[in-house]
Amino acid sequence: MDGIASLISNKRRRLLLRYLVNNNGKGSLEEVISYICDNEGDPECKNRKSVYISLKQTHIPKLEKARLVIYDKRSNTLYLEESYKKDVKMYVEFVEGVDISWSKYYIGLAGVAMAGSVYLMDFWALTVSFLFLVSASLNIAKQRRVI
């Protein structure tokens, strides 16, 4: 299980693992692709080909090499490796649920700093806090467009 954090740092791999955990450790490639499209805000699966290629060429091989997932090419079925089921399930249920992006963290921090700047009537601190807020907001907007 060494390096699981780096393996599940990618959103599509996390979604693939979450799907398998929520479906008794098994799922067809087509079901996983639909699930990923839906969770990426693409319910019509316009990016189906992109998801398919990234899974087949990158994500499934990495998860297979790490022995987290078994892919049966004949049936196009993915299986969550039994020996890691509990660990992956724990991550999906507990760790992922409390994760916060750095952009959201900085928005909150900038908001607190702006409130403190207003309270202290410090124009320069307010300006810097506002710039951090704008920067974090733009970063979140950019992330949403990419994902």
Protein backbone atom coordinates (compact mmCIF):
# COMPACT_ATOMS: atom_id res chain seq x y z
CA MET A 1 0.00 0.00 0.00
CA ASP A 2 3.01 2.32 -0.14
CA GLY A 3 2.30 5.22 -2.40
CA ILE A 4 -1.49 4.91 -2.28
CA ALA A 5 -1.71 8.66 -1.71
CA SER A 6 0.03 9.32 -5.03
CA LEU A 7 -2.11 6.70 -6.77
CA ILE A 8 -5.34 8.24 -5.59
CA SER A 9 -4.24 11.83 -6.03
CA ASN A 10 -5.79 11.79 -9.51
CA LYS A 11 -9.52 12.56 -9.60
CA ARG A 12 -10.37 9.93 -12.22
CA ARG A 13 -8.57 7.20 -10.31
CA ARG A 14 -10.39 8.24 -7.13
CA LEU A 15 -13.71 8.14 -8.96
CA LEU A 16 -12.92 4.71 -10.41
CA LEU A 17 -12.04 3.38 -6.95
CA ARG A 18 -15.09 5.02 -5.38
CA TYR A 19 -17.33 3.38 -7.99
CA LEU A 20 -15.83 -0.04 -7.27
CA VAL A 21 -16.14 0.42 -3.50
CA ASN A 22 -19.78 1.44 -3.83
CA ASN A 23 -20.55 -1.50 -6.14
CA ASN A 24 -19.16 -4.43 -4.14
CA GLY A 25 -15.72 -4.21 -5.73
CA LYS A 26 -16.86 -4.84 -9.30
CA GLY A 27 -17.93 -2.83 -12.33
CA SER A 28 -17.89 -2.86 -16.09
CA LEU A 29 -15.66 -0.37 -17.86
CA GLU A 30 -18.75 1.23 -19.44
CA GLU A 31 -20.39 1.74 -16.04
CA VAL A 32 -17.20 3.28 -14.64
CA ILE A 33 -16.90 5.64 -17.63
CA SER A 34 -20.53 6.79 -17.21
CA TYR A 35 -19.96 7.29 -13.47
CA ILE A 36 -16.82 9.37 -14.09
CA CYS A 37 -18.54 11.47 -16.77
CA ASP A 38 -21.46 12.12 -14.44
CA ASN A 39 -19.16 13.13 -11.56
CA GLU A 40 -17.13 15.41 -13.81
CA GLY A 41 -20.29 17.33 -14.67
CA ASP A 42 -20.80 15.67 -18.06
CA PRO A 43 -23.98 13.58 -17.71
CA GLU A 44 -24.32 13.30 -21.51
CA CYS A 45 -20.77 11.82 -21.64
CA LYS A 46 -19.53 14.19 -24.35
CA ASN A 47 -15.99 13.46 -23.11
CA ARG A 48 -16.56 9.68 -23.09
CA LYS A 49 -13.68 9.05 -25.49
CA SER A 50 -11.28 11.12 -23.37
CA VAL A 51 -12.32 9.26 -20.21
CA TYR A 52 -12.02 5.90 -21.96
CA ILE A 53 -8.54 6.62 -23.31
CA SER A 54 -7.23 7.99 -20.02
CA LEU A 55 -8.56 4.96 -18.13
CA LYS A 56 -7.22 2.40 -20.60
CA GLN A 57 -3.83 4.00 -21.20
CA THR A 58 -3.00 5.52 -17.82
CA HIS A 59 -5.22 4.94 -14.83
CA ILE A 60 -6.11 1.25 -15.06
CA PRO A 61 -2.50 0.20 -15.78
CA LYS A 62 -1.25 2.22 -12.77
CA LEU A 63 -3.86 0.71 -10.47
CA GLU A 64 -3.14 -2.78 -11.84
CA LYS A 65 0.61 -2.34 -11.34
CA ALA A 66 -0.04 -1.33 -7.74
CA ARG A 67 -2.33 -4.36 -7.41
CA LEU A 68 -5.32 -2.28 -6.30
CA VAL A 69 -7.43 -3.21 -9.31
CA ILE A 70 -7.74 -6.23 -11.58
CA TYR A 71 -8.94 -5.59 -15.14
CA ASP A 72 -10.43 -8.51 -17.09
CA LYS A 73 -9.99 -7.50 -20.74
CA ARG A 74 -12.27 -10.22 -22.08
CA SER A 75 -15.30 -9.13 -20.08
CA ASN A 76 -14.26 -5.45 -19.79
CA THR A 77 -14.76 -5.73 -16.03
CA LEU A 78 -12.82 -4.08 -13.23
CA TYR A 79 -12.40 -5.68 -9.81
CA LEU A 80 -11.12 -4.08 -6.63
CA GLU A 81 -8.35 -6.28 -5.21
CA GLU A 82 -9.76 -8.12 -2.18
CA SER A 83 -6.75 -7.58 0.06
CA TYR A 84 -7.01 -3.78 -0.26
CA LYS A 85 -10.79 -3.42 -0.22
CA LYS A 86 -10.95 -2.19 3.39
CA ASP A 87 -8.13 0.34 2.94
CA VAL A 88 -9.60 1.79 -0.24
CA LYS A 89 -13.09 1.87 1.28
CA MET A 90 -11.74 3.73 4.33
CA TYR A 91 -10.13 6.33 2.10
CA VAL A 92 -13.23 6.79 -0.03
CA GLU A 93 -15.59 7.04 2.94
CA PHE A 94 -13.54 9.04 5.42
CA VAL A 95 -10.52 10.80 4.02
CA GLU A 96 -11.95 12.06 0.74
CA GLY A 97 -15.04 13.46 2.45
CA VAL A 98 -13.06 15.93 4.55
CA ASP A 99 -10.58 17.00 1.90
CA ILE A 100 -10.55 20.69 0.98
CA SER A 101 -8.73 22.23 -1.97
CA TRP A 102 -6.06 24.83 -1.40
CA SER A 103 -8.08 27.35 -3.40
CA LYS A 104 -11.05 26.98 -1.05
CA TYR A 105 -8.74 27.19 1.95
CA TYR A 106 -7.26 30.47 0.64
CA ILE A 107 -10.71 31.89 -0.06
CA GLY A 108 -11.62 31.28 3.58
CA LEU A 109 -8.32 32.67 4.80
CA ALA A 110 -8.68 35.76 2.61
CA GLY A 111 -12.21 36.29 3.92
CA VAL A 112 -11.01 36.18 7.52
CA ALA A 113 -8.12 38.51 6.69
CA MET A 114 -10.49 40.95 4.97
CA ALA A 115 -12.77 40.97 8.00
CA GLY A 116 -9.79 41.65 10.27
CA SER A 117 -8.58 44.40 7.94
CA VAL A 118 -11.97 46.10 8.01
CA TYR A 119 -12.08 45.82 11.80
CA LEU A 120 -8.58 47.33 12.07
CA MET A 121 -9.34 49.84 9.29
CA ASP A 122 -6.14 48.89 7.47
CA PHE A 123 -6.53 49.75 3.79
CA TRP A 124 -3.34 47.97 2.61
CA ALA A 125 -4.15 44.73 4.43
CA LEU A 126 -7.67 44.89 2.98
CA THR A 127 -6.24 45.35 -0.53
CA VAL A 128 -3.83 42.40 -0.18
CA SER A 129 -6.58 40.21 1.30
CA PHE A 130 -8.88 41.13 -1.55
CA LEU A 131 -6.20 40.21 -4.12
CA PHE A 132 -5.77 36.79 -2.45
CA LEU A 133 -9.54 36.32 -2.57
CA VAL A 134 -9.69 37.16 -6.28
CA SER A 135 -6.70 34.93 -7.04
CA ALA A 136 -8.20 31.93 -5.22
CA SER A 137 -11.59 32.51 -6.88
CA LEU A 138 -10.02 32.59 -10.33
CA ASN A 139 -8.12 29.40 -9.55
CA ILE A 140 -11.34 27.61 -8.57
CA ALA A 141 -13.04 28.82 -11.77
CA LYS A 142 -10.09 27.58 -13.83
CA GLN A 143 -10.19 24.16 -12.08
CA ARG A 144 -13.88 23.77 -12.83
CA ARG A 145 -13.31 24.46 -16.52
CA VAL A 146 -10.44 21.94 -16.73
CA ILE A 147 -12.24 19.18 -14.85
